[in-house]
Amino acid sequence: MALPWSQRLELLLFTAAFLCGAVAAATLTRTQGSFHGHCPLYGVAALNGSSLALSQPSAPSLCYFVAGVSGLLALYCLLLLLFWVYSSCIEDSHRGPTGLRIALAISAIATFLILVSACILRFGTRSLCTSIVSLNITISCSKAQKVPWTPPGTALKFYSNLHDAETSSWVNLGLWCAVLMLQVVQWKSEALPHRPLERGDPEWSSETDTLVGPRLSHS
């Protein structure tokens, strides 16, 4: 069964959301790994001789939360895509009112969680960069990627990764907002009351012809 255009558009949005979520989760996990498992968001940097060090990292659970939200929602999008591709090709499947209400609830929760994650990434990165620049060892956070860190190998491309994670999260938020609005439009269109058939409607004529037979024309 061919899916309606609104649901096909929804699946395209889910495809893009899957990619954004996967990028955000991967880049933030890579950044946390470069800090040896410490979370740099809202962290405080300090000078250790001529090098930088993350003296006060945040709790690892903060980065786990942001990466987990992005990763789990990306997995949800992937499973949803596989399900609907299978349903449209193999089975005669249709999403009913109950399924649409569940999808609406999930989309609303997902939009809120991504908003929280994007804000954590933005303000957490800004707080870290402010502490780095205040040490007067570099003029910007991106330049701090070229400064030696302690222990060696720490903070490898940390700013680029955090920037990519934040950008992906904001794009992901826009995609989920579009999905939510599209589902609301579908829900409202299905909730509209259907007008009863009246005499003169083509549907009325076809239904009465089926029941009582076509009327004979009088000459």
Protein backbone atom coordinates (compact mmCIF):
# COMPACT_ATOMS: atom_id res chain seq x y z
CA MET A 1 0.00 0.00 0.00
CA ALA A 2 1.36 3.43 -0.96
CA LEU A 3 1.70 5.72 2.03
CA PRO A 4 -0.08 9.10 1.92
CA TRP A 5 2.06 12.09 1.00
CA SER A 6 2.01 13.48 4.55
CA GLN A 7 3.40 10.26 5.98
CA ARG A 8 6.03 10.02 3.26
CA LEU A 9 7.15 13.55 4.13
CA GLU A 10 7.21 12.51 7.78
CA LEU A 11 9.52 9.60 6.94
CA LEU A 12 11.86 11.94 5.07
CA LEU A 13 12.03 14.14 8.16
CA PHE A 14 12.75 11.08 10.31
CA THR A 15 15.60 10.14 7.97
CA ALA A 16 17.22 13.54 8.45
CA ALA A 17 16.56 13.41 12.20
CA PHE A 18 18.30 10.03 12.38
CA LEU A 19 21.42 11.46 10.74
CA CYS A 20 21.47 14.54 13.00
CA GLY A 21 20.98 12.50 16.15
CA ALA A 22 23.72 10.06 15.18
CA VAL A 23 26.17 12.89 14.47
CA ALA A 24 25.39 14.66 17.77
CA ALA A 25 25.79 11.47 19.81
CA ALA A 26 29.01 10.42 18.06
CA THR A 27 30.76 13.79 18.26
CA LEU A 28 29.91 14.35 21.93
CA THR A 29 31.02 10.81 22.83
CA ARG A 30 34.28 11.39 20.96
CA THR A 31 34.84 14.64 22.85
CA GLN A 32 34.21 13.01 26.22
CA GLY A 33 36.62 10.27 25.25
CA SER A 34 39.31 12.81 24.39
CA PHE A 35 38.99 14.13 27.95
CA HIS A 36 39.51 10.57 29.28
CA GLY A 37 35.86 10.12 30.22
CA HIS A 38 35.40 13.52 31.88
CA CYS A 39 32.55 15.75 30.69
CA PRO A 40 33.87 19.14 29.50
CA LEU A 41 30.45 20.82 29.40
CA TYR A 42 30.30 23.56 32.05
CA GLY A 43 33.86 22.56 32.96
CA VAL A 44 36.60 24.89 34.18
CA ALA A 45 40.05 24.97 32.61
CA ALA A 46 43.25 25.85 34.44
CA LEU A 47 46.89 26.43 33.56
CA ASN A 48 49.34 23.63 34.23
CA GLY A 49 52.64 25.27 33.41
CA SER A 50 52.41 26.21 29.73
CA SER A 51 49.57 23.80 29.00
CA LEU A 52 45.86 23.66 29.74
CA ALA A 53 44.05 21.16 31.90
CA LEU A 54 40.41 20.49 32.70
CA SER A 55 40.55 21.14 36.42
CA GLN A 56 36.84 20.97 37.21
CA PRO A 57 34.89 18.74 34.84
CA SER A 58 31.16 18.22 35.07
CA ALA A 59 29.60 14.94 36.11
CA PRO A 60 29.95 12.34 33.33
CA SER A 61 26.19 11.75 33.53
CA LEU A 62 25.61 15.18 31.95
CA CYS A 63 27.35 14.16 28.74
CA TYR A 64 25.77 10.71 28.96
CA PHE A 65 22.33 12.34 29.08
CA VAL A 66 22.90 14.53 26.02
CA ALA A 67 24.53 11.77 23.99
CA GLY A 68 21.94 9.24 25.18
CA VAL A 69 19.00 11.42 24.15
CA SER A 70 20.46 11.98 20.68
CA GLY A 71 21.42 8.34 20.24
CA LEU A 72 18.14 6.83 21.46
CA LEU A 73 16.03 9.16 19.33
CA ALA A 74 18.22 8.38 16.32
CA LEU A 75 17.62 4.67 16.97
CA TYR A 76 13.86 5.34 17.27
CA CYS A 77 13.89 7.10 13.89
CA LEU A 78 15.79 4.22 12.29
CA LEU A 79 13.42 1.56 13.66
CA LEU A 80 10.42 3.63 12.60
CA LEU A 81 11.79 3.96 9.08
CA LEU A 82 12.41 0.23 8.81
CA PHE A 83 8.93 -0.55 10.13
CA TRP A 84 7.10 1.69 7.67
CA VAL A 85 9.23 0.61 4.72
CA TYR A 86 8.40 -3.00 5.57
CA SER A 87 4.71 -2.21 6.12
CA SER A 88 4.32 -0.28 2.88
CA CYS A 89 6.07 -2.96 0.80
CA ILE A 90 4.88 -6.20 2.41
CA GLU A 91 1.72 -5.55 4.39
CA ASP A 92 -1.41 -3.47 3.98
CA SER A 93 -0.74 -1.35 7.06
CA HIS A 94 -2.33 1.93 8.12
CA ARG A 95 -1.73 4.09 11.17
CA GLY A 96 -4.99 4.51 13.02
CA PRO A 97 -6.08 7.27 15.41
CA THR A 98 -4.56 5.51 18.42
CA GLY A 99 -1.21 5.10 16.68
CA LEU A 100 -1.26 8.75 15.64
CA ARG A 101 -1.92 9.89 19.22
CA ILE A 102 0.98 7.76 20.47
CA ALA A 103 3.25 9.19 17.76
CA LEU A 104 2.19 12.71 18.76
CA ALA A 105 3.05 12.08 22.40
CA ILE A 106 6.46 10.63 21.51
CA SER A 107 7.22 13.54 19.18
CA ALA A 108 6.30 16.10 21.84
CA ILE A 109 8.54 14.41 24.42
CA ALA A 110 11.37 14.06 21.89
CA THR A 111 11.15 17.74 20.93
CA PHE A 112 11.40 18.79 24.59
CA LEU A 113 14.37 16.49 25.27
CA ILE A 114 16.26 17.71 22.21
CA LEU A 115 15.62 21.32 23.22
CA VAL A 116 17.10 20.62 26.65
CA SER A 117 20.09 18.83 25.10
CA ALA A 118 20.77 21.63 22.63
CA CYS A 119 20.66 24.23 25.41
CA ILE A 120 23.05 22.15 27.54
CA LEU A 121 25.46 21.93 24.60
CA ARG A 122 25.30 25.64 23.85
CA PHE A 123 25.66 27.01 27.37
CA GLY A 124 27.98 24.21 28.51
CA THR A 125 30.38 24.87 25.63
CA ARG A 126 30.16 28.62 26.20
CA SER A 127 30.99 28.20 29.89
CA LEU A 128 34.04 26.06 29.08
CA CYS A 129 35.26 28.51 26.45
CA THR A 130 34.84 31.45 28.80
CA SER A 131 37.07 29.77 31.38
CA ILE A 132 39.71 29.02 28.71
CA VAL A 133 39.79 32.54 27.26
CA SER A 134 39.95 34.10 30.75
CA LEU A 135 43.37 32.44 31.24
CA ASN A 136 44.81 34.74 28.51
CA ILE A 137 46.67 31.88 26.87
CA THR A 138 44.57 32.05 23.71
CA ILE A 139 42.12 34.48 22.15
CA SER A 140 39.39 31.97 21.24
CA CYS A 141 38.16 28.52 22.09
CA SER A 142 38.95 27.20 18.61
CA LYS A 143 42.58 28.31 19.01
CA ALA A 144 42.74 26.37 22.28
CA GLN A 145 42.67 23.17 20.24
CA LYS A 146 46.26 23.95 19.18
CA VAL A 147 47.45 24.60 22.74
CA PRO A 148 49.06 21.64 24.59
CA TRP A 149 46.81 20.00 27.16
CA THR A 150 47.62 17.91 30.19
CA PRO A 151 47.70 14.95 30.01
CA PRO A 152 49.05 14.84 26.43
CA GLY A 153 46.45 14.02 23.82
CA THR A 154 43.62 15.56 25.81
CA ALA A 155 41.01 17.80 24.14
CA LEU A 156 41.70 16.61 20.61
CA LYS A 157 39.45 18.77 18.38
CA PHE A 158 37.16 19.32 21.36
CA TYR A 159 35.71 22.61 20.15
CA SER A 160 35.02 21.38 16.60
CA ASN A 161 33.29 18.30 17.99
CA LEU A 162 31.20 20.27 20.47
CA HIS A 163 30.26 22.79 17.77
CA ASP A 164 29.21 19.98 15.41
CA ALA A 165 27.18 18.34 18.18
CA GLU A 166 25.41 21.60 18.98
CA THR A 167 24.67 22.39 15.34
CA SER A 168 23.30 18.90 14.77
CA SER A 169 21.10 19.22 17.85
CA TRP A 170 19.56 22.51 16.72
CA VAL A 171 18.90 21.12 13.24
CA ASN A 172 17.45 18.02 14.87
CA LEU A 173 15.17 20.21 16.97
CA GLY A 174 13.85 21.91 13.84
CA LEU A 175 13.20 18.56 12.19
CA TRP A 176 11.29 17.20 15.20
CA CYS A 177 9.23 20.42 15.37
CA ALA A 178 8.32 19.90 11.71
CA VAL A 179 7.38 16.27 12.44
CA LEU A 180 5.24 17.38 15.37
CA MET A 181 3.39 20.00 13.31
CA LEU A 182 2.84 17.53 10.48
CA GLN A 183 1.37 14.98 12.88
CA VAL A 184 -0.89 17.64 14.40
CA VAL A 185 -2.18 18.47 10.91
CA GLN A 186 -2.85 14.77 10.27
CA TRP A 187 -4.63 14.41 13.60
CA LYS A 188 -6.85 17.46 12.95
CA SER A 189 -7.71 16.29 9.45
CA GLU A 190 -8.77 12.87 10.77
CA ALA A 191 -10.71 14.45 13.64
CA LEU A 192 -12.86 16.61 11.32
CA PRO A 193 -16.50 15.46 11.36
CA HIS A 194 -17.70 14.00 8.08
CA ARG A 195 -20.74 15.70 6.53
CA PRO A 196 -23.65 13.30 6.01
CA LEU A 197 -24.62 12.60 2.42
CA GLU A 198 -27.49 14.61 0.98
CA ARG A 199 -29.63 14.25 -2.09
CA GLY A 200 -27.82 15.53 -5.13
CA ASP A 201 -24.36 14.45 -3.95
CA PRO A 202 -22.57 12.08 -6.36
CA GLU A 203 -21.89 9.73 -3.47
CA TRP A 204 -25.59 9.71 -2.58
CA SER A 205 -26.56 8.80 -6.14
CA SER A 206 -24.04 5.98 -6.35
CA GLU A 207 -25.09 4.53 -2.99
CA THR A 208 -28.83 4.66 -3.77
CA ASP A 209 -28.22 3.15 -7.19
CA THR A 210 -26.43 0.26 -5.52
CA LEU A 211 -29.29 -0.33 -3.06
CA VAL A 212 -32.43 0.24 -5.15
CA GLY A 213 -31.07 0.27 -8.67
CA PRO A 214 -30.79 3.19 -11.06
CA ARG A 215 -33.83 5.34 -11.51
CA LEU A 216 -35.55 5.10 -14.84
CA SER A 217 -35.68 8.30 -16.79
CA HIS A 218 -39.16 9.45 -17.77
CA SER A 219 -39.60 10.43 -21.41
